[in-house]
Amino acid sequence: MLKSKQIKAARALLGWSQQKLADSSGVSIASIRRIECQMNYPKAHTDTLVKIENGFFHAGITFTNDASGEGVAIKRENSKGIT
């Protein structure tokens, strides 16, 4: 499950505002604000978090949640335009 700090970090990597994330994910900006401020975060619906993750995925963001911790990465194109 995504963490609020991962969402903030992914937005920072992309230079996205909360509004841009809302537009890209189909989630209300109010929900994004609540999740990022960790208000009602445990109550955030799984489908809301999936929509947010999908919005980031289409922009080239990947998330990790494993034994080494939570992370965020952005795919970069190589010199031939292939990721």
N, C-alpha and C. Protein backbone atom coordinates (compact mmCIF):
# COMPACT_ATOMS: atom_id res chain seq x y z
N MET A 1 0.84 -1.18 0.00
CA MET A 1 0.00 0.00 0.00
C MET A 1 0.89 1.24 0.00
N LEU A 2 0.53 2.23 -0.79
CA LEU A 2 1.27 3.47 -0.86
C LEU A 2 1.26 4.21 0.47
N LYS A 3 2.35 4.88 0.75
CA LYS A 3 2.47 5.72 1.93
C LYS A 3 2.38 7.18 1.49
N SER A 4 1.93 8.04 2.39
CA SER A 4 1.79 9.45 2.03
C SER A 4 3.13 10.06 1.62
N LYS A 5 4.22 9.64 2.26
CA LYS A 5 5.52 10.20 1.89
C LYS A 5 5.94 9.76 0.49
N GLN A 6 5.51 8.58 0.05
CA GLN A 6 5.80 8.14 -1.31
C GLN A 6 5.03 8.98 -2.33
N ILE A 7 3.80 9.30 -2.01
CA ILE A 7 2.98 10.11 -2.91
C ILE A 7 3.60 11.50 -3.05
N LYS A 8 4.01 12.09 -1.93
CA LYS A 8 4.64 13.41 -1.98
C LYS A 8 5.95 13.36 -2.77
N ALA A 9 6.74 12.31 -2.55
CA ALA A 9 8.02 12.18 -3.25
C ALA A 9 7.80 11.99 -4.75
N ALA A 10 6.82 11.21 -5.13
CA ALA A 10 6.54 10.98 -6.55
C ALA A 10 6.10 12.28 -7.22
N ARG A 11 5.27 13.05 -6.52
CA ARG A 11 4.86 14.35 -7.08
C ARG A 11 6.07 15.25 -7.27
N ALA A 12 6.97 15.23 -6.30
CA ALA A 12 8.17 16.06 -6.38
C ALA A 12 9.05 15.64 -7.56
N LEU A 13 9.22 14.34 -7.77
CA LEU A 13 10.02 13.86 -8.89
C LEU A 13 9.47 14.33 -10.23
N LEU A 14 8.16 14.38 -10.32
CA LEU A 14 7.51 14.78 -11.57
C LEU A 14 7.28 16.29 -11.66
N GLY A 15 7.42 16.98 -10.54
CA GLY A 15 7.10 18.41 -10.53
C GLY A 15 5.61 18.66 -10.60
N TRP A 16 4.83 17.70 -10.08
CA TRP A 16 3.37 17.79 -10.14
C TRP A 16 2.80 18.49 -8.92
N SER A 17 1.76 19.25 -9.13
CA SER A 17 0.96 19.81 -8.04
C SER A 17 -0.04 18.74 -7.59
N GLN A 18 -0.69 19.00 -6.47
CA GLN A 18 -1.76 18.10 -6.06
C GLN A 18 -2.87 18.07 -7.09
N GLN A 19 -3.13 19.21 -7.73
CA GLN A 19 -4.18 19.28 -8.76
C GLN A 19 -3.81 18.40 -9.95
N LYS A 20 -2.56 18.43 -10.38
CA LYS A 20 -2.13 17.59 -11.51
C LYS A 20 -2.31 16.12 -11.17
N LEU A 21 -1.95 15.72 -9.94
CA LEU A 21 -2.16 14.33 -9.53
C LEU A 21 -3.65 13.99 -9.52
N ALA A 22 -4.46 14.90 -9.02
CA ALA A 22 -5.91 14.66 -9.01
C ALA A 22 -6.43 14.47 -10.44
N ASP A 23 -5.99 15.32 -11.34
CA ASP A 23 -6.42 15.21 -12.74
C ASP A 23 -5.94 13.91 -13.38
N SER A 24 -4.72 13.51 -13.07
CA SER A 24 -4.12 12.31 -13.69
C SER A 24 -4.68 11.01 -13.12
N SER A 25 -5.14 11.06 -11.89
CA SER A 25 -5.59 9.83 -11.24
C SER A 25 -7.11 9.70 -11.16
N GLY A 26 -7.81 10.80 -11.36
CA GLY A 26 -9.27 10.75 -11.23
C GLY A 26 -9.73 10.73 -9.78
N VAL A 27 -8.86 11.20 -8.89
CA VAL A 27 -9.17 11.28 -7.46
C VAL A 27 -9.33 12.75 -7.11
N SER A 28 -10.25 13.07 -6.22
CA SER A 28 -10.47 14.47 -5.88
C SER A 28 -9.24 15.06 -5.18
N ILE A 29 -9.04 16.34 -5.39
CA ILE A 29 -7.92 17.01 -4.75
C ILE A 29 -8.08 16.99 -3.23
N ALA A 30 -9.30 17.02 -2.75
CA ALA A 30 -9.53 16.94 -1.31
C ALA A 30 -9.03 15.61 -0.76
N SER A 31 -9.26 14.53 -1.49
CA SER A 31 -8.76 13.21 -1.06
C SER A 31 -7.25 13.18 -1.07
N ILE A 32 -6.64 13.74 -2.09
CA ILE A 32 -5.18 13.79 -2.17
C ILE A 32 -4.62 14.55 -0.97
N ARG A 33 -5.22 15.70 -0.68
CA ARG A 33 -4.76 16.50 0.47
C ARG A 33 -4.87 15.71 1.77
N ARG A 34 -6.00 15.05 1.97
CA ARG A 34 -6.20 14.27 3.21
C ARG A 34 -5.17 13.16 3.32
N ILE A 35 -4.94 12.46 2.24
CA ILE A 35 -3.98 11.35 2.25
C ILE A 35 -2.57 11.87 2.52
N GLU A 36 -2.19 12.96 1.85
CA GLU A 36 -0.84 13.49 2.04
C GLU A 36 -0.63 14.05 3.44
N CYS A 37 -1.69 14.55 4.05
CA CYS A 37 -1.59 15.07 5.42
C CYS A 37 -1.80 13.96 6.45
N GLN A 38 -2.03 12.77 5.97
CA GLN A 38 -2.28 11.57 6.77
C GLN A 38 -3.56 11.66 7.58
N MET A 39 -4.45 12.57 7.18
CA MET A 39 -5.78 12.62 7.78
C MET A 39 -6.61 11.53 7.11
N ASN A 40 -7.18 10.67 7.88
CA ASN A 40 -7.99 9.56 7.36
C ASN A 40 -7.17 8.60 6.50
N TYR A 41 -5.85 8.67 6.60
CA TYR A 41 -5.05 7.80 5.75
C TYR A 41 -5.39 6.33 5.95
N PRO A 42 -5.51 5.85 7.20
CA PRO A 42 -5.87 4.43 7.35
C PRO A 42 -7.22 4.09 6.76
N LYS A 43 -8.07 5.11 6.62
CA LYS A 43 -9.40 4.88 6.06
C LYS A 43 -9.45 5.09 4.56
N ALA A 44 -8.31 5.49 3.97
CA ALA A 44 -8.29 5.70 2.52
C ALA A 44 -8.68 4.39 1.82
N HIS A 45 -9.60 4.49 0.93
CA HIS A 45 -10.06 3.31 0.22
C HIS A 45 -8.96 2.77 -0.68
N THR A 46 -8.85 1.47 -0.72
CA THR A 46 -7.84 0.82 -1.55
C THR A 46 -7.97 1.25 -2.99
N ASP A 47 -9.20 1.39 -3.49
CA ASP A 47 -9.37 1.78 -4.89
C ASP A 47 -8.86 3.20 -5.14
N THR A 48 -8.93 4.08 -4.15
CA THR A 48 -8.38 5.43 -4.28
C THR A 48 -6.87 5.37 -4.43
N LEU A 49 -6.23 4.56 -3.59
CA LEU A 49 -4.77 4.42 -3.66
C LEU A 49 -4.34 3.77 -4.96
N VAL A 50 -5.12 2.84 -5.46
CA VAL A 50 -4.82 2.20 -6.75
C VAL A 50 -4.91 3.23 -7.88
N LYS A 51 -5.93 4.09 -7.84
CA LYS A 51 -6.06 5.13 -8.86
C LYS A 51 -4.86 6.07 -8.84
N ILE A 52 -4.43 6.45 -7.64
CA ILE A 52 -3.26 7.33 -7.51
C ILE A 52 -2.03 6.63 -8.06
N GLU A 53 -1.83 5.37 -7.68
CA GLU A 53 -0.67 4.62 -8.17
C GLU A 53 -0.70 4.50 -9.70
N ASN A 54 -1.87 4.25 -10.26
CA ASN A 54 -1.99 4.14 -11.72
C ASN A 54 -1.69 5.47 -12.41
N GLY A 55 -2.13 6.57 -11.82
CA GLY A 55 -1.82 7.88 -12.38
C GLY A 55 -0.32 8.11 -12.44
N PHE A 56 0.37 7.71 -11.39
CA PHE A 56 1.83 7.84 -11.38
C PHE A 56 2.49 6.85 -12.33
N PHE A 57 1.97 5.63 -12.41
CA PHE A 57 2.54 4.60 -13.27
C PHE A 57 2.59 5.08 -14.72
N HIS A 58 1.52 5.72 -15.16
CA HIS A 58 1.45 6.20 -16.55
C HIS A 58 2.43 7.34 -16.81
N ALA A 59 2.92 7.96 -15.73
CA ALA A 59 3.91 9.03 -15.86
C ALA A 59 5.33 8.49 -15.65
N GLY A 60 5.47 7.17 -15.47
CA GLY A 60 6.79 6.55 -15.35
C GLY A 60 7.30 6.37 -13.94
N ILE A 61 6.43 6.50 -12.96
CA ILE A 61 6.84 6.33 -11.56
C ILE A 61 6.60 4.89 -11.12
N THR A 62 7.57 4.36 -10.38
CA THR A 62 7.39 3.05 -9.76
C THR A 62 7.61 3.19 -8.26
N PHE A 63 6.97 2.34 -7.50
CA PHE A 63 7.06 2.34 -6.05
C PHE A 63 7.61 1.02 -5.56
N THR A 64 8.35 1.07 -4.47
CA THR A 64 8.83 -0.16 -3.83
C THR A 64 8.40 -0.15 -2.36
N ASN A 65 8.04 -1.30 -1.90
CA ASN A 65 7.71 -1.53 -0.50
C ASN A 65 8.24 -2.92 -0.18
N ASP A 66 9.48 -2.97 0.30
CA ASP A 66 10.07 -4.26 0.58
C ASP A 66 10.90 -4.19 1.86
N ALA A 67 11.69 -5.19 2.10
CA ALA A 67 12.48 -5.27 3.34
C ALA A 67 13.44 -4.09 3.49
N SER A 68 13.85 -3.49 2.38
CA SER A 68 14.78 -2.36 2.46
C SER A 68 14.05 -1.04 2.70
N GLY A 69 12.73 -1.06 2.67
CA GLY A 69 11.94 0.14 2.94
C GLY A 69 11.07 0.55 1.78
N GLU A 70 10.46 1.72 1.93
CA GLU A 70 9.60 2.25 0.88
C GLU A 70 10.41 3.18 -0.01
N GLY A 71 10.11 3.15 -1.30
CA GLY A 71 10.85 4.00 -2.22
C GLY A 71 10.01 4.44 -3.40
N VAL A 72 10.59 5.36 -4.15
CA VAL A 72 9.97 5.92 -5.35
C VAL A 72 11.06 6.07 -6.40
N ALA A 73 10.75 5.71 -7.63
CA ALA A 73 11.72 5.88 -8.72
C ALA A 73 10.98 6.33 -9.97
N ILE A 74 11.72 6.99 -10.84
CA ILE A 74 11.16 7.41 -12.11
C ILE A 74 11.98 6.77 -13.22
N LYS A 75 11.28 6.23 -14.21
CA LYS A 75 11.96 5.62 -15.35
C LYS A 75 12.57 6.72 -16.19
N ARG A 76 13.78 6.54 -16.60
CA ARG A 76 14.45 7.50 -17.48
C ARG A 76 14.68 6.85 -18.82
N GLU A 77 14.55 7.63 -19.89
CA GLU A 77 14.80 7.12 -21.22
C GLU A 77 16.31 7.08 -21.45
N ASN A 78 16.76 6.05 -22.14
CA ASN A 78 18.18 6.03 -22.50
C ASN A 78 18.39 6.89 -23.75
N SER A 79 19.57 6.93 -24.26
CA SER A 79 19.87 7.82 -25.38
C SER A 79 19.09 7.50 -26.65
N LYS A 80 18.55 6.28 -26.75
CA LYS A 80 17.77 5.89 -27.93
C LYS A 80 16.27 6.03 -27.68
N GLY A 81 15.90 6.60 -26.53
CA GLY A 81 14.49 6.81 -26.23
C GLY A 81 13.80 5.57 -25.71
N ILE A 82 14.56 4.56 -25.31
CA ILE A 82 13.99 3.32 -24.81
C ILE A 82 14.17 3.28 -23.31
N THR A 83 13.09 2.93 -22.58
CA THR A 83 13.19 2.84 -21.14
C THR A 83 13.52 1.44 -20.69
